[in-house]
């Protein structure tokens, strides 16, 4: 396939990938049944987070931190 024709194939593939990534990170905010909703950690709710985290010491715990930078 010549390079000129290749860009006409790659642009739609790239656009679909971008749309999927945006939907995955910002459009799918739901959680499974029985799981608490997702929350943003702030200074106002940090004490509640610490208490909930420490209360679940016998269970598997996972914390994901995402930074905008």
N, C-alpha and C. Protein backbone atom coordinates (compact mmCIF):
# COMPACT_ATOMS: atom_id res chain seq x y z
N UNK A 1 0.86 -1.17 0.00
CA UNK A 1 0.00 0.00 0.00
C UNK A 1 0.90 1.23 0.00
N UNK A 2 0.74 2.16 -0.94
CA UNK A 2 1.56 3.37 -0.98
C UNK A 2 1.32 4.23 0.26
N UNK A 3 2.33 5.02 0.60
CA UNK A 3 2.28 5.84 1.81
C UNK A 3 1.12 6.84 1.76
N UNK A 4 0.81 7.38 0.58
CA UNK A 4 -0.30 8.33 0.46
C UNK A 4 -1.63 7.70 0.82
N UNK A 5 -1.84 6.47 0.44
CA UNK A 5 -3.10 5.78 0.77
C UNK A 5 -3.13 5.32 2.22
N UNK A 6 -1.95 5.09 2.78
CA UNK A 6 -1.86 4.60 4.16
C UNK A 6 -2.43 5.63 5.14
N UNK A 7 -2.21 6.94 4.88
CA UNK A 7 -2.72 7.94 5.82
C UNK A 7 -4.24 7.99 5.83
N UNK A 8 -4.87 7.62 4.72
CA UNK A 8 -6.34 7.60 4.68
C UNK A 8 -6.90 6.44 5.50
N UNK A 9 -6.09 5.44 5.74
CA UNK A 9 -6.50 4.31 6.58
C UNK A 9 -6.19 4.60 8.04
N UNK A 10 -5.04 5.23 8.30
CA UNK A 10 -4.62 5.46 9.68
C UNK A 10 -5.44 6.53 10.39
N UNK A 11 -5.89 7.57 9.70
CA UNK A 11 -6.68 8.61 10.33
C UNK A 11 -7.98 8.09 10.95
N UNK A 12 -8.78 7.32 10.23
CA UNK A 12 -10.00 6.80 10.87
C UNK A 12 -9.71 5.86 12.04
N UNK A 13 -8.65 5.06 11.91
CA UNK A 13 -8.29 4.15 13.01
C UNK A 13 -7.86 4.97 14.23
N UNK A 14 -7.07 6.01 14.01
CA UNK A 14 -6.63 6.86 15.12
C UNK A 14 -7.82 7.57 15.76
N UNK A 15 -8.76 8.04 14.97
CA UNK A 15 -9.92 8.73 15.52
C UNK A 15 -10.79 7.80 16.35
N UNK A 16 -10.97 6.58 15.89
CA UNK A 16 -11.74 5.59 16.66
C UNK A 16 -11.03 5.30 17.98
N UNK A 17 -9.71 5.18 17.93
CA UNK A 17 -8.94 4.92 19.16
C UNK A 17 -9.08 6.08 20.14
N UNK A 18 -9.02 7.30 19.67
CA UNK A 18 -9.16 8.46 20.55
C UNK A 18 -10.55 8.50 21.17
N UNK A 19 -11.58 8.26 20.38
CA UNK A 19 -12.95 8.25 20.91
C UNK A 19 -13.11 7.16 21.97
N UNK A 20 -12.56 5.99 21.72
CA UNK A 20 -12.65 4.90 22.69
C UNK A 20 -11.92 5.26 23.99
N UNK A 21 -10.75 5.84 23.89
CA UNK A 21 -9.98 6.20 25.09
C UNK A 21 -10.72 7.27 25.89
N UNK A 22 -11.27 8.27 25.22
CA UNK A 22 -12.03 9.31 25.92
C UNK A 22 -13.25 8.71 26.60
N UNK A 23 -13.98 7.85 25.91
CA UNK A 23 -15.15 7.22 26.53
C UNK A 23 -14.73 6.36 27.72
N UNK A 24 -13.65 5.62 27.59
CA UNK A 24 -13.22 4.70 28.65
C UNK A 24 -12.90 5.46 29.93
N UNK A 25 -12.18 6.58 29.81
CA UNK A 25 -11.76 7.29 31.01
C UNK A 25 -12.78 8.29 31.54
N UNK A 26 -13.60 8.87 30.66
CA UNK A 26 -14.53 9.90 31.13
C UNK A 26 -16.00 9.54 30.95
N UNK A 27 -16.31 8.57 30.15
CA UNK A 27 -17.70 8.25 29.90
C UNK A 27 -18.23 7.07 30.67
N UNK A 28 -17.34 6.21 31.15
CA UNK A 28 -17.79 5.00 31.84
C UNK A 28 -17.51 5.15 33.34
N UNK A 29 -18.30 5.95 34.01
CA UNK A 29 -18.10 6.21 35.43
C UNK A 29 -18.87 5.24 36.32
N UNK A 30 -19.58 4.31 35.75
CA UNK A 30 -20.36 3.37 36.55
C UNK A 30 -19.49 2.34 37.23
N UNK A 31 -20.00 1.78 38.29
CA UNK A 31 -19.30 0.70 39.00
C UNK A 31 -20.22 -0.52 39.05
N UNK A 32 -19.66 -1.70 39.25
CA UNK A 32 -20.48 -2.90 39.35
C UNK A 32 -21.43 -2.85 40.55
N UNK A 33 -22.50 -3.62 40.47
CA UNK A 33 -23.49 -3.69 41.54
C UNK A 33 -22.81 -4.15 42.83
N UNK A 34 -23.07 -3.47 43.92
CA UNK A 34 -22.49 -3.83 45.21
C UNK A 34 -21.19 -3.11 45.52
N UNK A 35 -20.62 -2.43 44.55
CA UNK A 35 -19.38 -1.69 44.76
C UNK A 35 -19.72 -0.22 44.97
N UNK A 36 -19.05 0.45 45.90
CA UNK A 36 -19.33 1.87 46.09
C UNK A 36 -18.98 2.67 44.84
N UNK A 37 -19.62 3.79 44.63
CA UNK A 37 -19.32 4.61 43.44
C UNK A 37 -17.90 5.16 43.51
N UNK A 38 -17.37 5.52 42.34
CA UNK A 38 -16.06 6.13 42.29
C UNK A 38 -16.08 7.48 42.97
N UNK A 39 -14.96 7.86 43.56
CA UNK A 39 -14.90 9.13 44.28
C UNK A 39 -13.57 9.81 43.98
N UNK A 40 -13.61 11.11 44.03
CA UNK A 40 -12.38 11.90 43.91
C UNK A 40 -11.88 12.19 45.31
N UNK A 41 -10.61 11.95 45.54
CA UNK A 41 -10.01 12.17 46.85
C UNK A 41 -9.63 13.63 47.00
N UNK A 42 -10.19 14.26 48.02
CA UNK A 42 -9.91 15.66 48.30
C UNK A 42 -9.52 15.81 49.77
N UNK A 43 -9.11 16.99 50.14
CA UNK A 43 -8.78 17.22 51.55
C UNK A 43 -10.02 17.14 52.43
N UNK A 44 -11.19 17.38 51.86
CA UNK A 44 -12.43 17.33 52.65
C UNK A 44 -12.87 15.90 52.96
N UNK A 45 -12.58 14.95 52.08
CA UNK A 45 -13.03 13.58 52.33
C UNK A 45 -11.87 12.63 52.64
N UNK A 46 -10.70 13.15 52.93
CA UNK A 46 -9.54 12.30 53.19
C UNK A 46 -9.69 11.49 54.47
N UNK A 47 -10.27 12.08 55.49
CA UNK A 47 -10.46 11.36 56.77
C UNK A 47 -11.40 10.17 56.59
N UNK A 48 -12.47 10.35 55.82
CA UNK A 48 -13.39 9.24 55.55
C UNK A 48 -12.68 8.15 54.76
N UNK A 49 -11.88 8.54 53.78
CA UNK A 49 -11.11 7.57 53.00
C UNK A 49 -10.17 6.78 53.90
N UNK A 50 -9.45 7.47 54.77
CA UNK A 50 -8.52 6.80 55.68
C UNK A 50 -9.25 5.81 56.58
N UNK A 51 -10.39 6.22 57.11
CA UNK A 51 -11.16 5.32 57.97
C UNK A 51 -11.67 4.10 57.21
N UNK A 52 -12.22 4.31 56.01
CA UNK A 52 -12.71 3.18 55.21
C UNK A 52 -11.57 2.25 54.81
N UNK A 53 -10.43 2.83 54.45
CA UNK A 53 -9.28 2.03 54.04
C UNK A 53 -8.77 1.17 55.20
N UNK A 54 -8.63 1.76 56.36
CA UNK A 54 -8.14 1.02 57.52
C UNK A 54 -9.15 0.00 58.01
N UNK A 55 -10.44 0.27 57.84
CA UNK A 55 -11.48 -0.68 58.29
C UNK A 55 -11.48 -1.95 57.44
N UNK A 56 -10.98 -1.88 56.23
CA UNK A 56 -10.97 -3.03 55.33
C UNK A 56 -9.61 -3.73 55.33
N UNK A 57 -8.97 -3.81 56.50
CA UNK A 57 -7.61 -4.36 56.56
C UNK A 57 -7.57 -5.85 56.23
N UNK A 58 -8.67 -6.56 56.38
CA UNK A 58 -8.68 -7.99 56.07
C UNK A 58 -9.04 -8.30 54.63
N UNK A 59 -9.27 -7.27 53.82
CA UNK A 59 -9.68 -7.45 52.43
C UNK A 59 -8.60 -6.90 51.50
N UNK A 60 -8.73 -7.26 50.24
CA UNK A 60 -7.85 -6.72 49.22
C UNK A 60 -8.19 -5.25 48.99
N UNK A 61 -7.20 -4.37 49.05
CA UNK A 61 -7.42 -2.94 48.87
C UNK A 61 -6.57 -2.46 47.70
N UNK A 62 -7.13 -1.59 46.92
CA UNK A 62 -6.45 -1.04 45.74
C UNK A 62 -6.76 0.44 45.65
N UNK A 63 -5.71 1.25 45.54
CA UNK A 63 -5.87 2.69 45.39
C UNK A 63 -5.17 3.10 44.10
N UNK A 64 -5.90 3.78 43.23
CA UNK A 64 -5.35 4.27 41.99
C UNK A 64 -5.29 5.79 42.05
N UNK A 65 -4.14 6.35 41.79
CA UNK A 65 -3.98 7.80 41.82
C UNK A 65 -3.63 8.26 40.41
N UNK A 66 -4.44 9.16 39.86
CA UNK A 66 -4.20 9.72 38.54
C UNK A 66 -3.92 11.20 38.70
N UNK A 67 -2.91 11.66 38.01
CA UNK A 67 -2.55 13.07 38.07
C UNK A 67 -2.79 13.70 36.71
N UNK A 68 -3.30 14.93 36.67
CA UNK A 68 -3.55 15.56 35.37
C UNK A 68 -2.27 16.03 34.68
N UNK A 69 -1.14 15.94 35.33
CA UNK A 69 0.11 16.41 34.70
C UNK A 69 0.93 15.26 34.19
